[in-house]
Amino acid sequence: MTIVGISQNDQRETDAFLKEYGVTFPTLIEDPNGYAVSNAYGLTNVPSLFLIGQDGQIEVSSVGWVKQDVEEINRKLGIGQQATPVVLFKPGEEVRDFRAG
């Protein structure tokens, strides 16, 4: 499986975000002249997350921050890689269950 981010921000802002949050997966910059990728997936809010299966079908779609959806994507990625899912949230860490995009 491959994780790819799509940023609607410019390169400078995207690089700063990736550095601040320790994001290491490839992140592409959306073309602000038409937002072709965002429109192709019907984005209405950011963040939006999609887990796309090997068959090209969307397995999980999440709009805004939904902790349960992020955990489900993490679980499915672990299954796909035949590995134990990565621990996303540290014990005692305050992570909201939901935040609108």
C-alpha atoms as a PDB file:
ATOM      1  CA  MET A   1       0.000   0.000   0.000  1.00  0.00           C
ATOM      2  CA  THR A   2       1.063   3.544  -0.652  1.00  0.00           C
ATOM      3  CA  ILE A   3       0.057   6.670   1.249  1.00  0.00           C
ATOM      4  CA  VAL A   4      -0.010   9.922  -0.714  1.00  0.00           C
ATOM      5  CA  GLY A   5      -1.108  13.331   0.538  1.00  0.00           C
ATOM      6  CA  ILE A   6      -2.616  16.048  -1.617  1.00  0.00           C
ATOM      7  CA  SER A   7      -2.183  19.606  -0.339  1.00  0.00           C
ATOM      8  CA  GLN A   8      -4.266  22.576  -1.439  1.00  0.00           C
ATOM      9  CA  ASN A   9      -1.656  24.916   0.035  1.00  0.00           C
ATOM     10  CA  ASP A  10       1.436  26.195  -1.731  1.00  0.00           C
ATOM     11  CA  GLN A  11       4.779  24.401  -1.457  1.00  0.00           C
ATOM     12  CA  ARG A  12       6.131  26.627   1.345  1.00  0.00           C
ATOM     13  CA  GLU A  13       3.055  26.168   3.562  1.00  0.00           C
ATOM     14  CA  THR A  14       2.907  22.454   2.795  1.00  0.00           C
ATOM     15  CA  ASP A  15       6.591  21.943   3.664  1.00  0.00           C
ATOM     16  CA  ALA A  16       6.106  23.783   6.970  1.00  0.00           C
ATOM     17  CA  PHE A  17       3.089  21.612   7.849  1.00  0.00           C
ATOM     18  CA  LEU A  18       4.896  18.375   6.961  1.00  0.00           C
ATOM     19  CA  LYS A  19       7.880  19.366   9.088  1.00  0.00           C
ATOM     20  CA  GLU A  20       5.776  20.500  12.069  1.00  0.00           C
ATOM     21  CA  TYR A  21       3.779  17.257  12.178  1.00  0.00           C
ATOM     22  CA  GLY A  22       6.529  14.860  11.104  1.00  0.00           C
ATOM     23  CA  VAL A  23       4.719  13.720   7.961  1.00  0.00           C
ATOM     24  CA  THR A  24       7.017  11.547   5.873  1.00  0.00           C
ATOM     25  CA  PHE A  25       4.777  10.163   3.124  1.00  0.00           C
ATOM     26  CA  PRO A  26       4.869  11.771  -0.345  1.00  0.00           C
ATOM     27  CA  THR A  27       2.660  14.841  -0.614  1.00  0.00           C
ATOM     28  CA  LEU A  28       1.665  16.404  -3.901  1.00  0.00           C
ATOM     29  CA  ILE A  29       0.530  19.991  -4.424  1.00  0.00           C
ATOM     30  CA  GLU A  30      -2.951  20.452  -5.906  1.00  0.00           C
ATOM     31  CA  ASP A  31      -3.172  22.765  -8.907  1.00  0.00           C
ATOM     32  CA  PRO A  32      -5.109  25.838  -7.692  1.00  0.00           C
ATOM     33  CA  ASN A  33      -6.297  26.431 -11.276  1.00  0.00           C
ATOM     34  CA  GLY A  34      -9.213  24.039 -11.127  1.00  0.00           C
ATOM     35  CA  TYR A  35      -8.396  21.716  -8.186  1.00  0.00           C
ATOM     36  CA  ALA A  36      -8.708  18.657 -10.431  1.00  0.00           C
ATOM     37  CA  VAL A  37      -7.931  16.055  -7.744  1.00  0.00           C
ATOM     38  CA  SER A  38     -10.163  17.668  -5.117  1.00  0.00           C
ATOM     39  CA  ASN A  39     -13.019  17.911  -7.592  1.00  0.00           C
ATOM     40  CA  ALA A  40     -12.530  14.336  -8.803  1.00  0.00           C
ATOM     41  CA  TYR A  41     -13.103  13.106  -5.234  1.00  0.00           C
ATOM     42  CA  GLY A  42     -15.891  15.591  -4.487  1.00  0.00           C
ATOM     43  CA  LEU A  43     -14.072  17.319  -1.649  1.00  0.00           C
ATOM     44  CA  THR A  44     -16.295  19.679   0.286  1.00  0.00           C
ATOM     45  CA  ASN A  45     -14.035  20.175   3.312  1.00  0.00           C
ATOM     46  CA  VAL A  46     -10.431  19.706   4.355  1.00  0.00           C
ATOM     47  CA  PRO A  47      -9.096  17.612   5.781  1.00  0.00           C
ATOM     48  CA  SER A  48     -10.683  14.735   3.879  1.00  0.00           C
ATOM     49  CA  LEU A  49      -9.225  11.239   3.986  1.00  0.00           C
ATOM     50  CA  PHE A  50      -9.756   8.356   1.589  1.00  0.00           C
ATOM     51  CA  LEU A  51      -8.503   4.805   1.751  1.00  0.00           C
ATOM     52  CA  ILE A  52      -8.514   3.518  -1.806  1.00  0.00           C
ATOM     53  CA  GLY A  53      -8.240  -0.240  -2.248  1.00  0.00           C
ATOM     54  CA  GLN A  54      -6.105  -2.092  -4.769  1.00  0.00           C
ATOM     55  CA  ASP A  55      -9.191  -2.300  -6.998  1.00  0.00           C
ATOM     56  CA  GLY A  56      -9.450   1.506  -7.099  1.00  0.00           C
ATOM     57  CA  GLN A  57     -12.603   1.601  -4.968  1.00  0.00           C
ATOM     58  CA  ILE A  58     -12.886   3.902  -1.948  1.00  0.00           C
ATOM     59  CA  GLU A  59     -12.938   1.726   1.180  1.00  0.00           C
ATOM     60  CA  VAL A  60     -13.070   4.516   3.772  1.00  0.00           C
ATOM     61  CA  SER A  61     -14.107   8.131   3.231  1.00  0.00           C
ATOM     62  CA  SER A  62     -13.797  10.671   6.019  1.00  0.00           C
ATOM     63  CA  VAL A  63     -14.543  14.412   6.039  1.00  0.00           C
ATOM     64  CA  GLY A  64     -13.081  16.633   8.740  1.00  0.00           C
ATOM     65  CA  TRP A  65     -11.231  15.010  11.637  1.00  0.00           C
ATOM     66  CA  VAL A  66     -12.947  11.798  12.731  1.00  0.00           C
ATOM     67  CA  LYS A  67     -10.710   9.853  15.097  1.00  0.00           C
ATOM     68  CA  GLN A  68     -12.629   6.607  14.538  1.00  0.00           C
ATOM     69  CA  ASP A  69     -12.127   6.870  10.746  1.00  0.00           C
ATOM     70  CA  VAL A  70      -8.391   7.494  11.161  1.00  0.00           C
ATOM     71  CA  GLU A  71      -8.161   4.438  13.422  1.00  0.00           C
ATOM     72  CA  GLU A  72     -10.086   2.357  10.850  1.00  0.00           C
ATOM     73  CA  ILE A  73      -7.747   3.439   8.048  1.00  0.00           C
ATOM     74  CA  ASN A  74      -4.762   2.592  10.259  1.00  0.00           C
ATOM     75  CA  ARG A  75      -6.251  -0.849  11.019  1.00  0.00           C
ATOM     76  CA  LYS A  76      -6.891  -1.589   7.326  1.00  0.00           C
ATOM     77  CA  LEU A  77      -3.385  -0.431   6.374  1.00  0.00           C
ATOM     78  CA  GLY A  78      -1.974  -2.829   8.966  1.00  0.00           C
ATOM     79  CA  ILE A  79      -4.017  -5.686   7.516  1.00  0.00           C
ATOM     80  CA  GLY A  80      -2.929  -4.773   3.983  1.00  0.00           C
ATOM     81  CA  GLN A  81       0.713  -4.807   5.038  1.00  0.00           C
ATOM     82  CA  GLN A  82       0.214  -7.923   7.159  1.00  0.00           C
ATOM     83  CA  ALA A  83       1.579  -6.018  10.132  1.00  0.00           C
ATOM     84  CA  THR A  84       0.397  -4.788  13.488  1.00  0.00           C
ATOM     85  CA  PRO A  85      -1.168  -1.327  13.082  1.00  0.00           C
ATOM     86  CA  VAL A  86       1.017   1.557  14.190  1.00  0.00           C
ATOM     87  CA  VAL A  87       0.125   3.145  17.534  1.00  0.00           C
ATOM     88  CA  LEU A  88      -1.322   6.503  16.489  1.00  0.00           C
ATOM     89  CA  PHE A  89      -2.148   8.073  19.823  1.00  0.00           C
ATOM     90  CA  LYS A  90      -0.076   7.921  22.988  1.00  0.00           C
ATOM     91  CA  PRO A  91      -1.725   6.919  26.293  1.00  0.00           C
ATOM     92  CA  GLY A  92      -3.044  10.030  28.004  1.00  0.00           C
ATOM     93  CA  GLU A  93      -2.818  12.074  24.801  1.00  0.00           C
ATOM     94  CA  GLU A  94      -5.854  14.318  24.365  1.00  0.00           C
ATOM     95  CA  VAL A  95      -7.199  13.646  20.865  1.00  0.00           C
ATOM     96  CA  ARG A  96     -10.649  14.869  19.859  1.00  0.00           C
ATOM     97  CA  ASP A  97     -13.101  12.318  18.511  1.00  0.00           C
ATOM     98  CA  PHE A  98     -14.446  14.754  15.919  1.00  0.00           C
ATOM     99  CA  ARG A  99     -13.683  18.150  14.472  1.00  0.00           C
ATOM    100  CA  ALA A 100     -15.500  19.574  11.477  1.00  0.00           C
ATOM    101  CA  GLY A 101     -13.416  20.335   8.392  1.00  0.00           C
END
